[in-house]
């Protein structure tokens, strides 16, 4: 006995994994505000690009989360 083969269809099929309620989707990156920019600034410092690092640190100092602002301010003092 051979199993019956279902013919392919072009009818729209709604995926079972999608509920359509995008309001409850968690952000993919839940890092605190400013943390990525701070890490990027540190990477630029490691590469020797102080000007770009300073620009990023100023952005974080002006609007990141409290911990990132404090660290950015400290790094700005250190690089002058």
PDB file of N, CA and C in Angstrom:
ATOM      1  N   UNK A   1       0.846  -1.176   0.000  1.00  0.00           N
ATOM      2  CA  UNK A   1       0.000   0.000   0.000  1.00  0.00           C
ATOM      3  C   UNK A   1       0.892   1.240   0.000  1.00  0.00           C
ATOM      4  N   UNK A   2       0.700   2.117  -0.930  1.00  0.00           N
ATOM      5  CA  UNK A   2       1.481   3.341  -1.048  1.00  0.00           C
ATOM      6  C   UNK A   2       0.718   4.491  -0.396  1.00  0.00           C
ATOM      7  N   UNK A   3       1.444   5.338   0.388  1.00  0.00           N
ATOM      8  CA  UNK A   3       0.746   6.467   1.008  1.00  0.00           C
ATOM      9  C   UNK A   3       0.259   7.454  -0.043  1.00  0.00           C
ATOM     10  N   UNK A   4      -0.869   8.050   0.219  1.00  0.00           N
ATOM     11  CA  UNK A   4      -1.428   9.038  -0.703  1.00  0.00           C
ATOM     12  C   UNK A   4      -0.566  10.291  -0.683  1.00  0.00           C
ATOM     13  N   UNK A   5      -0.312  10.827  -1.849  1.00  0.00           N
ATOM     14  CA  UNK A   5       0.495  12.038  -1.976  1.00  0.00           C
ATOM     15  C   UNK A   5      -0.452  13.223  -2.117  1.00  0.00           C
ATOM     16  N   UNK A   6      -0.232  14.233  -1.277  1.00  0.00           N
ATOM     17  CA  UNK A   6      -1.057  15.431  -1.346  1.00  0.00           C
ATOM     18  C   UNK A   6      -0.566  16.309  -2.492  1.00  0.00           C
ATOM     19  N   UNK A   7      -1.456  16.755  -3.356  1.00  0.00           N
ATOM     20  CA  UNK A   7      -1.022  17.640  -4.445  1.00  0.00           C
ATOM     21  C   UNK A   7      -0.617  19.008  -3.889  1.00  0.00           C
ATOM     22  N   UNK A   8       0.334  19.650  -4.550  1.00  0.00           N
ATOM     23  CA  UNK A   8       0.759  20.994  -4.150  1.00  0.00           C
ATOM     24  C   UNK A   8      -0.356  21.970  -4.445  1.00  0.00           C
ATOM     25  N   UNK A   9      -0.424  22.981  -3.638  1.00  0.00           N
ATOM     26  CA  UNK A   9      -1.454  23.989  -3.828  1.00  0.00           C
ATOM     27  C   UNK A   9      -0.816  25.374  -3.803  1.00  0.00           C
ATOM     28  N   UNK A  10      -1.426  26.297  -4.481  1.00  0.00           N
ATOM     29  CA  UNK A  10      -0.929  27.677  -4.461  1.00  0.00           C
ATOM     30  C   UNK A  10      -1.747  28.534  -3.502  1.00  0.00           C
ATOM     31  N   UNK A  11      -2.643  27.910  -2.778  1.00  0.00           N
ATOM     32  CA  UNK A  11      -3.463  28.653  -1.814  1.00  0.00           C
ATOM     33  C   UNK A  11      -2.583  29.220  -0.709  1.00  0.00           C
ATOM     34  N   UNK A  12      -2.931  30.401  -0.247  1.00  0.00           N
ATOM     35  CA  UNK A  12      -2.162  31.042   0.824  1.00  0.00           C
ATOM     36  C   UNK A  12      -2.296  30.231   2.104  1.00  0.00           C
ATOM     37  N   UNK A  13      -1.184  29.982   2.717  1.00  0.00           N
ATOM     38  CA  UNK A  13      -1.160  29.238   3.968  1.00  0.00           C
ATOM     39  C   UNK A  13      -0.572  30.148   5.028  1.00  0.00           C
ATOM     40  N   UNK A  14      -1.311  30.338   6.111  1.00  0.00           N
ATOM     41  CA  UNK A  14      -0.827  31.185   7.194  1.00  0.00           C
ATOM     42  C   UNK A  14       0.165  30.385   8.037  1.00  0.00           C
ATOM     43  N   UNK A  15       1.365  30.929   8.263  1.00  0.00           N
ATOM     44  CA  UNK A  15       2.342  30.197   9.075  1.00  0.00           C
ATOM     45  C   UNK A  15       1.820  29.990  10.495  1.00  0.00           C
ATOM     46  N   UNK A  16       2.156  28.858  11.058  1.00  0.00           N
ATOM     47  CA  UNK A  16       1.683  28.554  12.404  1.00  0.00           C
ATOM     48  C   UNK A  16       2.494  29.269  13.475  1.00  0.00           C
ATOM     49  N   UNK A  17       3.683  29.745  13.157  1.00  0.00           N
ATOM     50  CA  UNK A  17       4.549  30.392  14.134  1.00  0.00           C
ATOM     51  C   UNK A  17       4.254  31.870  14.284  1.00  0.00           C
ATOM     52  N   UNK A  18       3.423  32.430  13.437  1.00  0.00           N
ATOM     53  CA  UNK A  18       3.166  33.866  13.459  1.00  0.00           C
ATOM     54  C   UNK A  18       1.762  34.123  13.986  1.00  0.00           C
ATOM     55  N   UNK A  19       1.672  34.849  15.071  1.00  0.00           N
ATOM     56  CA  UNK A  19       0.361  35.155  15.631  1.00  0.00           C
ATOM     57  C   UNK A  19      -0.184  36.467  15.111  1.00  0.00           C
ATOM     58  N   UNK A  20       0.665  37.271  14.470  1.00  0.00           N
ATOM     59  CA  UNK A  20       0.225  38.552  13.950  1.00  0.00           C
ATOM     60  C   UNK A  20       0.205  39.659  14.979  1.00  0.00           C
ATOM     61  N   UNK A  21       0.592  39.370  16.200  1.00  0.00           N
ATOM     62  CA  UNK A  21       0.578  40.366  17.269  1.00  0.00           C
ATOM     63  C   UNK A  21       1.992  40.871  17.500  1.00  0.00           C
ATOM     64  N   UNK A  22       2.412  41.834  16.702  1.00  0.00           N
ATOM     65  CA  UNK A  22       3.790  42.333  16.757  1.00  0.00           C
ATOM     66  C   UNK A  22       4.068  43.172  17.999  1.00  0.00           C
ATOM     67  N   UNK A  23       3.052  43.577  18.733  1.00  0.00           N
ATOM     68  CA  UNK A  23       3.273  44.402  19.917  1.00  0.00           C
ATOM     69  C   UNK A  23       3.952  43.633  21.036  1.00  0.00           C
ATOM     70  N   UNK A  24       3.859  42.326  21.026  1.00  0.00           N
ATOM     71  CA  UNK A  24       4.416  41.520  22.100  1.00  0.00           C
ATOM     72  C   UNK A  24       5.747  40.885  21.736  1.00  0.00           C
ATOM     73  N   UNK A  25       6.340  41.311  20.639  1.00  0.00           N
ATOM     74  CA  UNK A  25       7.619  40.758  20.214  1.00  0.00           C
ATOM     75  C   UNK A  25       8.730  41.463  20.982  1.00  0.00           C
ATOM     76  N   UNK A  26       9.565  40.690  21.640  1.00  0.00           N
ATOM     77  CA  UNK A  26      10.680  41.260  22.404  1.00  0.00           C
ATOM     78  C   UNK A  26      11.747  41.772  21.442  1.00  0.00           C
ATOM     79  N   UNK A  27      12.445  42.839  21.806  1.00  0.00           N
ATOM     80  CA  UNK A  27      13.519  43.330  20.938  1.00  0.00           C
ATOM     81  C   UNK A  27      14.624  42.289  20.832  1.00  0.00           C
ATOM     82  N   UNK A  28      15.225  42.211  19.654  1.00  0.00           N
ATOM     83  CA  UNK A  28      16.306  41.253  19.452  1.00  0.00           C
ATOM     84  C   UNK A  28      17.534  41.635  20.250  1.00  0.00           C
ATOM     85  N   UNK A  29      17.744  42.927  20.400  1.00  0.00           N
ATOM     86  CA  UNK A  29      18.918  43.390  21.127  1.00  0.00           C
ATOM     87  C   UNK A  29      18.434  44.172  22.335  1.00  0.00           C
ATOM     88  N   UNK A  30      18.544  43.566  23.488  1.00  0.00           N
ATOM     89  CA  UNK A  30      18.031  44.210  24.692  1.00  0.00           C
ATOM     90  C   UNK A  30      19.136  44.890  25.498  1.00  0.00           C
ATOM     91  N   UNK A  31      20.234  45.252  24.858  1.00  0.00           N
ATOM     92  CA  UNK A  31      21.329  45.930  25.550  1.00  0.00           C
ATOM     93  C   UNK A  31      20.866  47.318  25.991  1.00  0.00           C
ATOM     94  N   UNK A  32      21.351  47.789  27.130  1.00  0.00           N
ATOM     95  CA  UNK A  32      20.976  49.125  27.591  1.00  0.00           C
ATOM     96  C   UNK A  32      21.358  50.197  26.569  1.00  0.00           C
ATOM     97  N   UNK A  33      20.571  51.254  26.541  1.00  0.00           N
ATOM     98  CA  UNK A  33      20.821  52.346  25.605  1.00  0.00           C
ATOM     99  C   UNK A  33      22.214  52.916  25.801  1.00  0.00           C
ATOM    100  N   UNK A  34      22.951  53.028  24.738  1.00  0.00           N
ATOM    101  CA  UNK A  34      24.290  53.597  24.800  1.00  0.00           C
ATOM    102  C   UNK A  34      25.395  52.572  24.924  1.00  0.00           C
ATOM    103  N   UNK A  35      25.073  51.362  25.337  1.00  0.00           N
ATOM    104  CA  UNK A  35      26.100  50.342  25.569  1.00  0.00           C
ATOM    105  C   UNK A  35      26.826  49.978  24.268  1.00  0.00           C
ATOM    106  N   UNK A  36      26.079  49.816  23.160  1.00  0.00           N
ATOM    107  CA  UNK A  36      26.730  49.459  21.897  1.00  0.00           C
ATOM    108  C   UNK A  36      27.661  50.569  21.431  1.00  0.00           C
ATOM    109  N   UNK A  37      27.190  51.811  21.539  1.00  0.00           N
ATOM    110  CA  UNK A  37      28.025  52.944  21.123  1.00  0.00           C
ATOM    111  C   UNK A  37      29.272  53.032  21.985  1.00  0.00           C
ATOM    112  N   UNK A  38      29.131  52.750  23.262  1.00  0.00           N
ATOM    113  CA  UNK A  38      30.270  52.770  24.175  1.00  0.00           C
ATOM    114  C   UNK A  38      31.282  51.699  23.773  1.00  0.00           C
ATOM    115  N   UNK A  39      30.808  50.500  23.491  1.00  0.00           N
ATOM    116  CA  UNK A  39      31.704  49.422  23.069  1.00  0.00           C
ATOM    117  C   UNK A  39      32.366  49.748  21.736  1.00  0.00           C
ATOM    118  N   UNK A  40      31.616  50.385  20.837  1.00  0.00           N
ATOM    119  CA  UNK A  40      32.184  50.790  19.556  1.00  0.00           C
ATOM    120  C   UNK A  40      33.260  51.855  19.765  1.00  0.00           C
ATOM    121  N   UNK A  41      33.017  52.789  20.663  1.00  0.00           N
ATOM    122  CA  UNK A  41      34.013  53.823  20.969  1.00  0.00           C
ATOM    123  C   UNK A  41      35.287  53.193  21.520  1.00  0.00           C
ATOM    124  N   UNK A  42      35.147  52.208  22.386  1.00  0.00           N
ATOM    125  CA  UNK A  42      36.320  51.524  22.942  1.00  0.00           C
ATOM    126  C   UNK A  42      37.086  50.807  21.837  1.00  0.00           C
ATOM    127  N   UNK A  43      36.359  50.216  20.892  1.00  0.00           N
ATOM    128  CA  UNK A  43      37.023  49.555  19.758  1.00  0.00           C
ATOM    129  C   UNK A  43      37.807  50.574  18.932  1.00  0.00           C
ATOM    130  N   UNK A  44      37.220  51.748  18.703  1.00  0.00           N
ATOM    131  CA  UNK A  44      37.935  52.795  17.964  1.00  0.00           C
ATOM    132  C   UNK A  44      39.173  53.259  18.733  1.00  0.00           C
ATOM    133  N   UNK A  45      39.069  53.340  20.043  1.00  0.00           N
ATOM    134  CA  UNK A  45      40.249  53.698  20.841  1.00  0.00           C
ATOM    135  C   UNK A  45      41.342  52.646  20.673  1.00  0.00           C
ATOM    136  N   UNK A  46      40.943  51.372  20.688  1.00  0.00           N
ATOM    137  CA  UNK A  46      41.915  50.292  20.488  1.00  0.00           C
ATOM    138  C   UNK A  46      42.590  50.387  19.126  1.00  0.00           C
ATOM    139  N   UNK A  47      41.854  50.895  18.133  1.00  0.00           N
ATOM    140  CA  UNK A  47      42.412  51.050  16.784  1.00  0.00           C
ATOM    141  C   UNK A  47      43.213  52.340  16.630  1.00  0.00           C
ATOM    142  N   UNK A  48      43.157  53.194  17.645  1.00  0.00           N
ATOM    143  CA  UNK A  48      43.898  54.447  17.595  1.00  0.00           C
ATOM    144  C   UNK A  48      43.128  55.607  16.993  1.00  0.00           C
ATOM    145  N   UNK A  49      41.847  55.433  16.715  1.00  0.00           N
ATOM    146  CA  UNK A  49      41.023  56.496  16.134  1.00  0.00           C
ATOM    147  C   UNK A  49      40.325  57.261  17.262  1.00  0.00           C
ATOM    148  N   UNK A  50      41.068  58.172  17.870  1.00  0.00           N
ATOM    149  CA  UNK A  50      40.579  58.899  19.038  1.00  0.00           C
ATOM    150  C   UNK A  50      39.439  59.851  18.672  1.00  0.00           C
ATOM    151  N   UNK A  51      39.496  60.469  17.500  1.00  0.00           N
ATOM    152  CA  UNK A  51      38.458  61.433  17.116  1.00  0.00           C
ATOM    153  C   UNK A  51      37.082  60.774  16.988  1.00  0.00           C
ATOM    154  N   UNK A  52      37.027  59.633  16.308  1.00  0.00           N
ATOM    155  CA  UNK A  52      35.753  58.924  16.164  1.00  0.00           C
ATOM    156  C   UNK A  52      35.276  58.424  17.516  1.00  0.00           C
ATOM    157  N   UNK A  53      36.196  57.908  18.324  1.00  0.00           N
ATOM    158  CA  UNK A  53      35.845  57.441  19.666  1.00  0.00           C
ATOM    159  C   UNK A  53      35.285  58.588  20.491  1.00  0.00           C
ATOM    160  N   UNK A  54      35.899  59.750  20.410  1.00  0.00           N
ATOM    161  CA  UNK A  54      35.435  60.918  21.170  1.00  0.00           C
ATOM    162  C   UNK A  54      34.013  61.304  20.753  1.00  0.00           C
ATOM    163  N   UNK A  55      33.746  61.299  19.443  1.00  0.00           N
ATOM    164  CA  UNK A  55      32.396  61.622  18.963  1.00  0.00           C
ATOM    165  C   UNK A  55      31.363  60.650  19.536  1.00  0.00           C
ATOM    166  N   UNK A  56      31.681  59.358  19.495  1.00  0.00           N
ATOM    167  CA  UNK A  56      30.770  58.351  20.028  1.00  0.00           C
ATOM    168  C   UNK A  56      30.591  58.505  21.535  1.00  0.00           C
ATOM    169  N   UNK A  57      31.676  58.757  22.238  1.00  0.00           N
ATOM    170  CA  UNK A  57      31.601  58.925  23.690  1.00  0.00           C
ATOM    171  C   UNK A  57      30.765  60.146  24.058  1.00  0.00           C
ATOM    172  N   UNK A  58      30.881  61.212  23.283  1.00  0.00           N
ATOM    173  CA  UNK A  58      30.054  62.400  23.527  1.00  0.00           C
ATOM    174  C   UNK A  58      28.573  62.084  23.338  1.00  0.00           C
ATOM    175  N   UNK A  59      28.246  61.268  22.318  1.00  0.00           N
ATOM    176  CA  UNK A  59      26.857  60.856  22.108  1.00  0.00           C
ATOM    177  C   UNK A  59      26.336  60.074  23.307  1.00  0.00           C
ATOM    178  N   UNK A  60      27.152  59.133  23.786  1.00  0.00           N
ATOM    179  CA  UNK A  60      26.734  58.310  24.926  1.00  0.00           C
ATOM    180  C   UNK A  60      26.592  59.166  26.178  1.00  0.00           C
ATOM    181  N   UNK A  61      27.536  60.070  26.397  1.00  0.00           N
ATOM    182  CA  UNK A  61      27.492  60.934  27.577  1.00  0.00           C
ATOM    183  C   UNK A  61      26.253  61.825  27.561  1.00  0.00           C
ATOM    184  N   UNK A  62      25.765  62.148  26.374  1.00  0.00           N
ATOM    185  CA  UNK A  62      24.597  63.021  26.256  1.00  0.00           C
ATOM    186  C   UNK A  62      23.271  62.271  26.360  1.00  0.00           C
ATOM    187  N   UNK A  63      23.274  60.955  26.093  1.00  0.00           N
ATOM    188  CA  UNK A  63      21.968  60.312  26.064  1.00  0.00           C
ATOM    189  C   UNK A  63      21.910  58.832  26.335  1.00  0.00           C
ATOM    190  N   UNK A  64      22.940  58.221  26.839  1.00  0.00           N
ATOM    191  CA  UNK A  64      22.888  56.789  27.136  1.00  0.00           C
ATOM    192  C   UNK A  64      22.272  56.523  28.495  1.00  0.00           C
ATOM    193  N   UNK A  65      22.255  55.258  28.886  1.00  0.00           N
ATOM    194  CA  UNK A  65      21.783  54.939  30.231  1.00  0.00           C
ATOM    195  C   UNK A  65      22.823  55.426  31.238  1.00  0.00           C
ATOM    196  N   UNK A  66      22.468  55.462  32.506  1.00  0.00           N
ATOM    197  CA  UNK A  66      23.324  56.065  33.535  1.00  0.00           C
ATOM    198  C   UNK A  66      24.709  55.429  33.600  1.00  0.00           C
ATOM    199  N   UNK A  67      24.787  54.110  33.570  1.00  0.00           N
ATOM    200  CA  UNK A  67      26.086  53.434  33.655  1.00  0.00           C
ATOM    201  C   UNK A  67      26.949  53.757  32.441  1.00  0.00           C
ATOM    202  N   UNK A  68      26.339  53.757  31.255  1.00  0.00           N
ATOM    203  CA  UNK A  68      27.082  54.072  30.033  1.00  0.00           C
ATOM    204  C   UNK A  68      27.535  55.527  30.044  1.00  0.00           C
ATOM    205  N   UNK A  69      26.673  56.437  30.525  1.00  0.00           N
ATOM    206  CA  UNK A  69      27.060  57.856  30.606  1.00  0.00           C
ATOM    207  C   UNK A  69      28.264  58.038  31.512  1.00  0.00           C
ATOM    208  N   UNK A  70      28.244  57.376  32.662  1.00  0.00           N
ATOM    209  CA  UNK A  70      29.371  57.494  33.598  1.00  0.00           C
ATOM    210  C   UNK A  70      30.661  56.971  32.981  1.00  0.00           C
ATOM    211  N   UNK A  71      30.583  55.818  32.327  1.00  0.00           N
ATOM    212  CA  UNK A  71      31.785  55.247  31.715  1.00  0.00           C
ATOM    213  C   UNK A  71      32.281  56.114  30.562  1.00  0.00           C
ATOM    214  N   UNK A  72      31.351  56.648  29.767  1.00  0.00           N
ATOM    215  CA  UNK A  72      31.735  57.517  28.655  1.00  0.00           C
ATOM    216  C   UNK A  72      32.411  58.780  29.173  1.00  0.00           C
ATOM    217  N   UNK A  73      31.861  59.360  30.232  1.00  0.00           N
ATOM    218  CA  UNK A  73      32.449  60.565  30.822  1.00  0.00           C
ATOM    219  C   UNK A  73      33.856  60.286  31.324  1.00  0.00           C
ATOM    220  N   UNK A  74      34.039  59.145  31.971  1.00  0.00           N
ATOM    221  CA  UNK A  74      35.364  58.761  32.471  1.00  0.00           C
ATOM    222  C   UNK A  74      36.356  58.597  31.315  1.00  0.00           C
ATOM    223  N   UNK A  75      35.933  57.925  30.250  1.00  0.00           N
ATOM    224  CA  UNK A  75      36.820  57.733  29.100  1.00  0.00           C
ATOM    225  C   UNK A  75      37.144  59.066  28.425  1.00  0.00           C
ATOM    226  N   UNK A  76      36.168  59.961  28.354  1.00  0.00           N
ATOM    227  CA  UNK A  76      36.431  61.280  27.771  1.00  0.00           C
ATOM    228  C   UNK A  76      37.482  62.030  28.584  1.00  0.00           C
ATOM    229  N   UNK A  77      37.419  61.909  29.904  1.00  0.00           N
ATOM    230  CA  UNK A  77      38.447  62.544  30.749  1.00  0.00           C
ATOM    231  C   UNK A  77      39.821  61.942  30.466  1.00  0.00           C
ATOM    232  N   UNK A  78      39.860  60.621  30.306  1.00  0.00           N
ATOM    233  CA  UNK A  78      41.138  59.939  30.094  1.00  0.00           C
ATOM    234  C   UNK A  78      41.780  60.289  28.756  1.00  0.00           C
ATOM    235  N   UNK A  79      40.960  60.453  27.701  1.00  0.00           N
ATOM    236  CA  UNK A  79      41.554  60.737  26.390  1.00  0.00           C
ATOM    237  C   UNK A  79      41.754  62.228  26.157  1.00  0.00           C
ATOM    238  N   UNK A  80      41.169  63.040  27.037  1.00  0.00           N
ATOM    239  CA  UNK A  80      41.383  64.482  26.951  1.00  0.00           C
ATOM    240  C   UNK A  80      40.532  65.186  26.011  1.00  0.00           C
TER     241      UNK A  80
END
